[in-house]
Amino acid sequence: MGYNYEDAATMGFHCTGRNFELAIAIALTAFASMPMVAVSTVVGPLIEIPVMLAIVWLSLRRRDRILQQEKAKATIA
């Protein structure tokens, strides 16, 4: 899409964690009589946090490679 590393990383982190709390509140309200909904609202963050940490780790590991590619494109253009 042509975004630089800083913008792409920021958008990626923002989109992965956006509106999660609102989705939990709506699910609990809509399906209050179903106990598995409450369980899923507990399990969801337990999965989300390690996934987001993995995304940060991957982003930091690939940062140098991406920045080198951007510098190479800038010198060619």
PDB file of N, CA and C in Angstrom:
ATOM      1  N   MET A   1       0.811  -1.187   0.000  1.00  0.00           N
ATOM      2  CA  MET A   1       0.000   0.000   0.000  1.00  0.00           C
ATOM      3  C   MET A   1       0.857   1.255   0.000  1.00  0.00           C
ATOM      4  N   GLY A   2       2.138   1.113   0.220  1.00  0.00           N
ATOM      5  CA  GLY A   2       3.017   2.261   0.142  1.00  0.00           C
ATOM      6  C   GLY A   2       3.223   3.029   1.435  1.00  0.00           C
ATOM      7  N   TYR A   3       2.795   2.483   2.562  1.00  0.00           N
ATOM      8  CA  TYR A   3       2.995   3.166   3.843  1.00  0.00           C
ATOM      9  C   TYR A   3       4.413   2.921   4.340  1.00  0.00           C
ATOM     10  N   ASN A   4       4.957   3.893   5.052  1.00  0.00           N
ATOM     11  CA  ASN A   4       6.265   3.667   5.648  1.00  0.00           C
ATOM     12  C   ASN A   4       6.098   2.798   6.902  1.00  0.00           C
ATOM     13  N   TYR A   5       7.219   2.361   7.457  1.00  0.00           N
ATOM     14  CA  TYR A   5       7.175   1.423   8.586  1.00  0.00           C
ATOM     15  C   TYR A   5       6.415   1.987   9.768  1.00  0.00           C
ATOM     16  N   GLU A   6       6.683   3.232  10.120  1.00  0.00           N
ATOM     17  CA  GLU A   6       6.062   3.821  11.308  1.00  0.00           C
ATOM     18  C   GLU A   6       4.546   3.872  11.179  1.00  0.00           C
ATOM     19  N   ASP A   7       4.051   4.286  10.011  1.00  0.00           N
ATOM     20  CA  ASP A   7       2.603   4.364   9.811  1.00  0.00           C
ATOM     21  C   ASP A   7       1.968   2.975   9.757  1.00  0.00           C
ATOM     22  N   ALA A   8       2.621   2.033   9.081  1.00  0.00           N
ATOM     23  CA  ALA A   8       2.065   0.684   8.966  1.00  0.00           C
ATOM     24  C   ALA A   8       2.013  -0.010  10.321  1.00  0.00           C
ATOM     25  N   ALA A   9       3.062   0.137  11.130  1.00  0.00           N
ATOM     26  CA  ALA A   9       3.068  -0.490  12.456  1.00  0.00           C
ATOM     27  C   ALA A   9       1.997   0.120  13.346  1.00  0.00           C
ATOM     28  N   THR A  10       1.860   1.439  13.300  1.00  0.00           N
ATOM     29  CA  THR A  10       0.848   2.102  14.120  1.00  0.00           C
ATOM     30  C   THR A  10      -0.554   1.668  13.725  1.00  0.00           C
ATOM     31  N   MET A  11      -0.828   1.619  12.427  1.00  0.00           N
ATOM     32  CA  MET A  11      -2.159   1.194  11.973  1.00  0.00           C
ATOM     33  C   MET A  11      -2.426  -0.265  12.330  1.00  0.00           C
ATOM     34  N   GLY A  12      -1.416  -1.107  12.213  1.00  0.00           N
ATOM     35  CA  GLY A  12      -1.597  -2.515  12.552  1.00  0.00           C
ATOM     36  C   GLY A  12      -1.946  -2.724  14.011  1.00  0.00           C
ATOM     37  N   PHE A  13      -1.252  -2.029  14.903  1.00  0.00           N
ATOM     38  CA  PHE A  13      -1.543  -2.161  16.330  1.00  0.00           C
ATOM     39  C   PHE A  13      -2.902  -1.580  16.674  1.00  0.00           C
ATOM     40  N   HIS A  14      -3.244  -0.482  16.042  1.00  0.00           N
ATOM     41  CA  HIS A  14      -4.538   0.150  16.316  1.00  0.00           C
ATOM     42  C   HIS A  14      -5.684  -0.756  15.874  1.00  0.00           C
ATOM     43  N   CYS A  15      -5.565  -1.344  14.697  1.00  0.00           N
ATOM     44  CA  CYS A  15      -6.656  -2.169  14.161  1.00  0.00           C
ATOM     45  C   CYS A  15      -6.816  -3.485  14.914  1.00  0.00           C
ATOM     46  N   THR A  16      -5.726  -4.047  15.434  1.00  0.00           N
ATOM     47  CA  THR A  16      -5.855  -5.321  16.141  1.00  0.00           C
ATOM     48  C   THR A  16      -6.524  -5.176  17.492  1.00  0.00           C
ATOM     49  N   GLY A  17      -6.398  -4.032  18.137  1.00  0.00           N
ATOM     50  CA  GLY A  17      -6.975  -3.866  19.471  1.00  0.00           C
ATOM     51  C   GLY A  17      -8.211  -2.996  19.525  1.00  0.00           C
ATOM     52  N   ARG A  18      -8.732  -2.616  18.390  1.00  0.00           N
ATOM     53  CA  ARG A  18      -9.832  -1.659  18.325  1.00  0.00           C
ATOM     54  C   ARG A  18     -11.178  -2.313  18.629  1.00  0.00           C
ATOM     55  N   ASN A  19     -11.964  -1.665  19.430  1.00  0.00           N
ATOM     56  CA  ASN A  19     -13.354  -2.027  19.719  1.00  0.00           C
ATOM     57  C   ASN A  19     -13.522  -3.378  20.400  1.00  0.00           C
ATOM     58  N   PHE A  20     -12.477  -3.933  20.952  1.00  0.00           N
ATOM     59  CA  PHE A  20     -12.597  -5.245  21.587  1.00  0.00           C
ATOM     60  C   PHE A  20     -13.489  -5.179  22.821  1.00  0.00           C
ATOM     61  N   GLU A  21     -13.311  -4.154  23.626  1.00  0.00           N
ATOM     62  CA  GLU A  21     -14.108  -4.023  24.847  1.00  0.00           C
ATOM     63  C   GLU A  21     -15.577  -3.813  24.523  1.00  0.00           C
ATOM     64  N   LEU A  22     -15.859  -3.062  23.478  1.00  0.00           N
ATOM     65  CA  LEU A  22     -17.244  -2.847  23.061  1.00  0.00           C
ATOM     66  C   LEU A  22     -17.878  -4.154  22.596  1.00  0.00           C
ATOM     67  N   ALA A  23     -17.142  -4.965  21.879  1.00  0.00           N
ATOM     68  CA  ALA A  23     -17.661  -6.252  21.421  1.00  0.00           C
ATOM     69  C   ALA A  23     -17.973  -7.168  22.604  1.00  0.00           C
ATOM     70  N   ILE A  24     -17.145  -7.147  23.636  1.00  0.00           N
ATOM     71  CA  ILE A  24     -17.409  -7.947  24.838  1.00  0.00           C
ATOM     72  C   ILE A  24     -18.688  -7.479  25.513  1.00  0.00           C
ATOM     73  N   ALA A  25     -18.862  -6.182  25.660  1.00  0.00           N
ATOM     74  CA  ALA A  25     -20.063  -5.650  26.313  1.00  0.00           C
ATOM     75  C   ALA A  25     -21.324  -6.003  25.537  1.00  0.00           C
ATOM     76  N   ILE A  26     -21.286  -5.900  24.229  1.00  0.00           N
ATOM     77  CA  ILE A  26     -22.455  -6.248  23.412  1.00  0.00           C
ATOM     78  C   ILE A  26     -22.757  -7.734  23.516  1.00  0.00           C
ATOM     79  N   ALA A  27     -21.733  -8.573  23.481  1.00  0.00           N
ATOM     80  CA  ALA A  27     -21.952 -10.017  23.578  1.00  0.00           C
ATOM     81  C   ALA A  27     -22.551 -10.399  24.922  1.00  0.00           C
ATOM     82  N   LEU A  28     -22.051  -9.816  25.994  1.00  0.00           N
ATOM     83  CA  LEU A  28     -22.602 -10.128  27.319  1.00  0.00           C
ATOM     84  C   LEU A  28     -24.041  -9.661  27.452  1.00  0.00           C
ATOM     85  N   THR A  29     -24.367  -8.516  26.881  1.00  0.00           N
ATOM     86  CA  THR A  29     -25.733  -8.001  26.954  1.00  0.00           C
ATOM     87  C   THR A  29     -26.677  -8.832  26.093  1.00  0.00           C
ATOM     88  N   ALA A  30     -26.257  -9.170  24.902  1.00  0.00           N
ATOM     89  CA  ALA A  30     -27.131  -9.891  23.976  1.00  0.00           C
ATOM     90  C   ALA A  30     -27.337 -11.346  24.377  1.00  0.00           C
ATOM     91  N   PHE A  31     -26.330 -11.966  24.941  1.00  0.00           N
ATOM     92  CA  PHE A  31     -26.412 -13.390  25.271  1.00  0.00           C
ATOM     93  C   PHE A  31     -26.170 -13.620  26.757  1.00  0.00           C
ATOM     94  N   ALA A  32     -26.836 -12.850  27.595  1.00  0.00           N
ATOM     95  CA  ALA A  32     -26.607 -12.926  29.044  1.00  0.00           C
ATOM     96  C   ALA A  32     -26.990 -14.281  29.630  1.00  0.00           C
ATOM     97  N   SER A  33     -27.937 -14.966  29.016  1.00  0.00           N
ATOM     98  CA  SER A  33     -28.393 -16.243  29.568  1.00  0.00           C
ATOM     99  C   SER A  33     -27.488 -17.414  29.188  1.00  0.00           C
ATOM    100  N   MET A  34     -26.520 -17.193  28.337  1.00  0.00           N
ATOM    101  CA  MET A  34     -25.633 -18.273  27.884  1.00  0.00           C
ATOM    102  C   MET A  34     -24.298 -18.175  28.624  1.00  0.00           C
ATOM    103  N   PRO A  35     -23.968 -19.179  29.437  1.00  0.00           N
ATOM    104  CA  PRO A  35     -22.741 -19.095  30.237  1.00  0.00           C
ATOM    105  C   PRO A  35     -21.455 -19.135  29.405  1.00  0.00           C
ATOM    106  N   MET A  36     -21.494 -19.722  28.223  1.00  0.00           N
ATOM    107  CA  MET A  36     -20.277 -19.804  27.412  1.00  0.00           C
ATOM    108  C   MET A  36     -19.842 -18.434  26.890  1.00  0.00           C
ATOM    109  N   VAL A  37     -20.785 -17.496  26.803  1.00  0.00           N
ATOM    110  CA  VAL A  37     -20.413 -16.149  26.375  1.00  0.00           C
ATOM    111  C   VAL A  37     -19.517 -15.508  27.424  1.00  0.00           C
ATOM    112  N   ALA A  38     -19.862 -15.706  28.687  1.00  0.00           N
ATOM    113  CA  ALA A  38     -19.029 -15.162  29.763  1.00  0.00           C
ATOM    114  C   ALA A  38     -17.644 -15.804  29.752  1.00  0.00           C
ATOM    115  N   VAL A  39     -17.594 -17.091  29.481  1.00  0.00           N
ATOM    116  CA  VAL A  39     -16.299 -17.780  29.414  1.00  0.00           C
ATOM    117  C   VAL A  39     -15.471 -17.229  28.254  1.00  0.00           C
ATOM    118  N   SER A  40     -16.120 -17.007  27.125  1.00  0.00           N
ATOM    119  CA  SER A  40     -15.373 -16.502  25.967  1.00  0.00           C
ATOM    120  C   SER A  40     -14.856 -15.089  26.195  1.00  0.00           C
ATOM    121  N   THR A  41     -15.567 -14.299  27.002  1.00  0.00           N
ATOM    122  CA  THR A  41     -15.069 -12.952  27.284  1.00  0.00           C
ATOM    123  C   THR A  41     -13.843 -12.978  28.188  1.00  0.00           C
ATOM    124  N   VAL A  42     -13.677 -14.045  28.933  1.00  0.00           N
ATOM    125  CA  VAL A  42     -12.474 -14.197  29.754  1.00  0.00           C
ATOM    126  C   VAL A  42     -11.335 -14.772  28.916  1.00  0.00           C
ATOM    127  N   VAL A  43     -11.656 -15.738  28.072  1.00  0.00           N
ATOM    128  CA  VAL A  43     -10.635 -16.396  27.263  1.00  0.00           C
ATOM    129  C   VAL A  43     -10.123 -15.464  26.157  1.00  0.00           C
ATOM    130  N   GLY A  44     -10.988 -14.614  25.631  1.00  0.00           N
ATOM    131  CA  GLY A  44     -10.602 -13.701  24.548  1.00  0.00           C
ATOM    132  C   GLY A  44      -9.374 -12.872  24.866  1.00  0.00           C
ATOM    133  N   PRO A  45      -9.376 -12.119  25.981  1.00  0.00           N
ATOM    134  CA  PRO A  45      -8.177 -11.338  26.309  1.00  0.00           C
ATOM    135  C   PRO A  45      -6.952 -12.205  26.604  1.00  0.00           C
ATOM    136  N   LEU A  46      -7.174 -13.416  27.099  1.00  0.00           N
ATOM    137  CA  LEU A  46      -6.035 -14.301  27.348  1.00  0.00           C
ATOM    138  C   LEU A  46      -5.356 -14.704  26.047  1.00  0.00           C
ATOM    139  N   ILE A  47      -6.119 -14.703  24.968  1.00  0.00           N
ATOM    140  CA  ILE A  47      -5.550 -14.991  23.649  1.00  0.00           C
ATOM    141  C   ILE A  47      -5.051 -13.702  22.997  1.00  0.00           C
ATOM    142  N   GLU A  48      -5.812 -12.624  23.160  1.00  0.00           N
ATOM    143  CA  GLU A  48      -5.479 -11.367  22.486  1.00  0.00           C
ATOM    144  C   GLU A  48      -4.137 -10.799  22.938  1.00  0.00           C
ATOM    145  N   ILE A  49      -3.861 -10.823  24.211  1.00  0.00           N
ATOM    146  CA  ILE A  49      -2.636 -10.200  24.719  1.00  0.00           C
ATOM    147  C   ILE A  49      -1.381 -10.883  24.175  1.00  0.00           C
ATOM    148  N   PRO A  50      -1.268 -12.222  24.226  1.00  0.00           N
ATOM    149  CA  PRO A  50      -0.069 -12.838  23.630  1.00  0.00           C
ATOM    150  C   PRO A  50       0.032 -12.614  22.122  1.00  0.00           C
ATOM    151  N   VAL A  51      -1.106 -12.579  21.429  1.00  0.00           N
ATOM    152  CA  VAL A  51      -1.064 -12.334  19.983  1.00  0.00           C
ATOM    153  C   VAL A  51      -0.561 -10.924  19.699  1.00  0.00           C
ATOM    154  N   MET A  52      -1.050  -9.951  20.450  1.00  0.00           N
ATOM    155  CA  MET A  52      -0.583  -8.579  20.241  1.00  0.00           C
ATOM    156  C   MET A  52       0.901  -8.442  20.592  1.00  0.00           C
ATOM    157  N   LEU A  53       1.352  -9.132  21.634  1.00  0.00           N
ATOM    158  CA  LEU A  53       2.779  -9.111  21.964  1.00  0.00           C
ATOM    159  C   LEU A  53       3.609  -9.753  20.860  1.00  0.00           C
ATOM    160  N   ALA A  54       3.083 -10.814  20.257  1.00  0.00           N
ATOM    161  CA  ALA A  54       3.784 -11.450  19.140  1.00  0.00           C
ATOM    162  C   ALA A  54       3.861 -10.513  17.939  1.00  0.00           C
ATOM    163  N   ILE A  55       2.798  -9.756  17.693  1.00  0.00           N
ATOM    164  CA  ILE A  55       2.813  -8.795  16.590  1.00  0.00           C
ATOM    165  C   ILE A  55       3.864  -7.716  16.840  1.00  0.00           C
ATOM    166  N   VAL A  56       3.947  -7.232  18.069  1.00  0.00           N
ATOM    167  CA  VAL A  56       4.963  -6.226  18.406  1.00  0.00           C
ATOM    168  C   VAL A  56       6.358  -6.809  18.218  1.00  0.00           C
ATOM    169  N   TRP A  57       6.572  -8.023  18.685  1.00  0.00           N
ATOM    170  CA  TRP A  57       7.880  -8.672  18.559  1.00  0.00           C
ATOM    171  C   TRP A  57       8.261  -8.832  17.084  1.00  0.00           C
ATOM    172  N   LEU A  58       7.310  -9.317  16.261  1.00  0.00           N
ATOM    173  CA  LEU A  58       7.593  -9.481  14.834  1.00  0.00           C
ATOM    174  C   LEU A  58       7.864  -8.141  14.163  1.00  0.00           C
ATOM    175  N   SER A  59       7.104  -7.152  14.544  1.00  0.00           N
ATOM    176  CA  SER A  59       7.295  -5.826  13.962  1.00  0.00           C
ATOM    177  C   SER A  59       8.678  -5.277  14.291  1.00  0.00           C
ATOM    178  N   LEU A  60       9.104  -5.446  15.520  1.00  0.00           N
ATOM    179  CA  LEU A  60      10.435  -4.966  15.906  1.00  0.00           C
ATOM    180  C   LEU A  60      11.544  -5.760  15.224  1.00  0.00           C
ATOM    181  N   ARG A  61      11.348  -7.059  15.045  1.00  0.00           N
ATOM    182  CA  ARG A  61      12.367  -7.877  14.374  1.00  0.00           C
ATOM    183  C   ARG A  61      12.494  -7.517  12.897  1.00  0.00           C
ATOM    184  N   ARG A  62      11.381  -7.183  12.267  1.00  0.00           N
ATOM    185  CA  ARG A  62      11.406  -6.884  10.838  1.00  0.00           C
ATOM    186  C   ARG A  62      11.678  -5.408  10.550  1.00  0.00           C
ATOM    187  N   ARG A  63      11.732  -4.582  11.584  1.00  0.00           N
ATOM    188  CA  ARG A  63      11.894  -3.140  11.398  1.00  0.00           C
ATOM    189  C   ARG A  63      13.142  -2.806  10.587  1.00  0.00           C
ATOM    190  N   ASP A  64      14.274  -3.375  10.948  1.00  0.00           N
ATOM    191  CA  ASP A  64      15.515  -3.051  10.243  1.00  0.00           C
ATOM    192  C   ASP A  64      15.441  -3.442   8.772  1.00  0.00           C
ATOM    193  N   ARG A  65      14.877  -4.596   8.494  1.00  0.00           N
ATOM    194  CA  ARG A  65      14.762  -5.054   7.110  1.00  0.00           C
ATOM    195  C   ARG A  65      13.841  -4.133   6.308  1.00  0.00           C
ATOM    196  N   ILE A  66      12.737  -3.753   6.912  1.00  0.00           N
ATOM    197  CA  ILE A  66      11.790  -2.879   6.220  1.00  0.00           C
ATOM    198  C   ILE A  66      12.402  -1.501   6.004  1.00  0.00           C
ATOM    199  N   LEU A  67      13.077  -0.981   7.021  1.00  0.00           N
ATOM    200  CA  LEU A  67      13.690   0.340   6.881  1.00  0.00           C
ATOM    201  C   LEU A  67      14.803   0.334   5.838  1.00  0.00           C
ATOM    202  N   GLN A  68      15.555  -0.769   5.735  1.00  0.00           N
ATOM    203  CA  GLN A  68      16.596  -0.865   4.714  1.00  0.00           C
ATOM    204  C   GLN A  68      15.978  -0.869   3.321  1.00  0.00           C
ATOM    205  N   GLN A  69      14.848  -1.578   3.161  1.00  0.00           N
ATOM    206  CA  GLN A  69      14.169  -1.599   1.866  1.00  0.00           C
ATOM    207  C   GLN A  69      13.646  -0.214   1.508  1.00  0.00           C
ATOM    208  N   GLU A  70      13.121   0.511   2.495  1.00  0.00           N
ATOM    209  CA  GLU A  70      12.627   1.861   2.234  1.00  0.00           C
ATOM    210  C   GLU A  70      13.769   2.793   1.837  1.00  0.00           C
ATOM    211  N   LYS A  71      14.924   2.658   2.494  1.00  0.00           N
ATOM    212  CA  LYS A  71      16.079   3.497   2.143  1.00  0.00           C
ATOM    213  C   LYS A  71      16.570   3.171   0.734  1.00  0.00           C
ATOM    214  N   ALA A  72      16.563   1.878   0.378  1.00  0.00           N
ATOM    215  CA  ALA A  72      17.000   1.481  -0.960  1.00  0.00           C
ATOM    216  C   ALA A  72      16.060   2.050  -2.022  1.00  0.00           C
ATOM    217  N   LYS A  73      14.765   2.021  -1.759  1.00  0.00           N
ATOM    218  CA  LYS A  73      13.804   2.591  -2.710  1.00  0.00           C
ATOM    219  C   LYS A  73      13.986   4.100  -2.829  1.00  0.00           C
ATOM    220  N   ALA A  74      14.292   4.743  -1.709  1.00  0.00           N
ATOM    221  CA  ALA A  74      14.467   6.196  -1.728  1.00  0.00           C
ATOM    222  C   ALA A  74      15.713   6.594  -2.522  1.00  0.00           C
ATOM    223  N   THR A  75      16.771   5.788  -2.439  1.00  0.00           N
ATOM    224  CA  THR A  75      17.992   6.129  -3.173  1.00  0.00           C
ATOM    225  C   THR A  75      17.836   5.862  -4.662  1.00  0.00           C
ATOM    226  N   ILE A  76      17.016   4.875  -5.015  1.00  0.00           N
ATOM    227  CA  ILE A  76      16.786   4.561  -6.432  1.00  0.00           C
ATOM    228  C   ILE A  76      15.914   5.630  -7.081  1.00  0.00           C
ATOM    229  N   ALA A  77      14.914   6.085  -6.335  1.00  0.00           N
ATOM    230  CA  ALA A  77      13.955   7.054  -6.909  1.00  0.00           C
ATOM    231  C   ALA A  77      14.478   8.432  -6.988  1.00  0.00           C
TER     232      ALA A  77
END
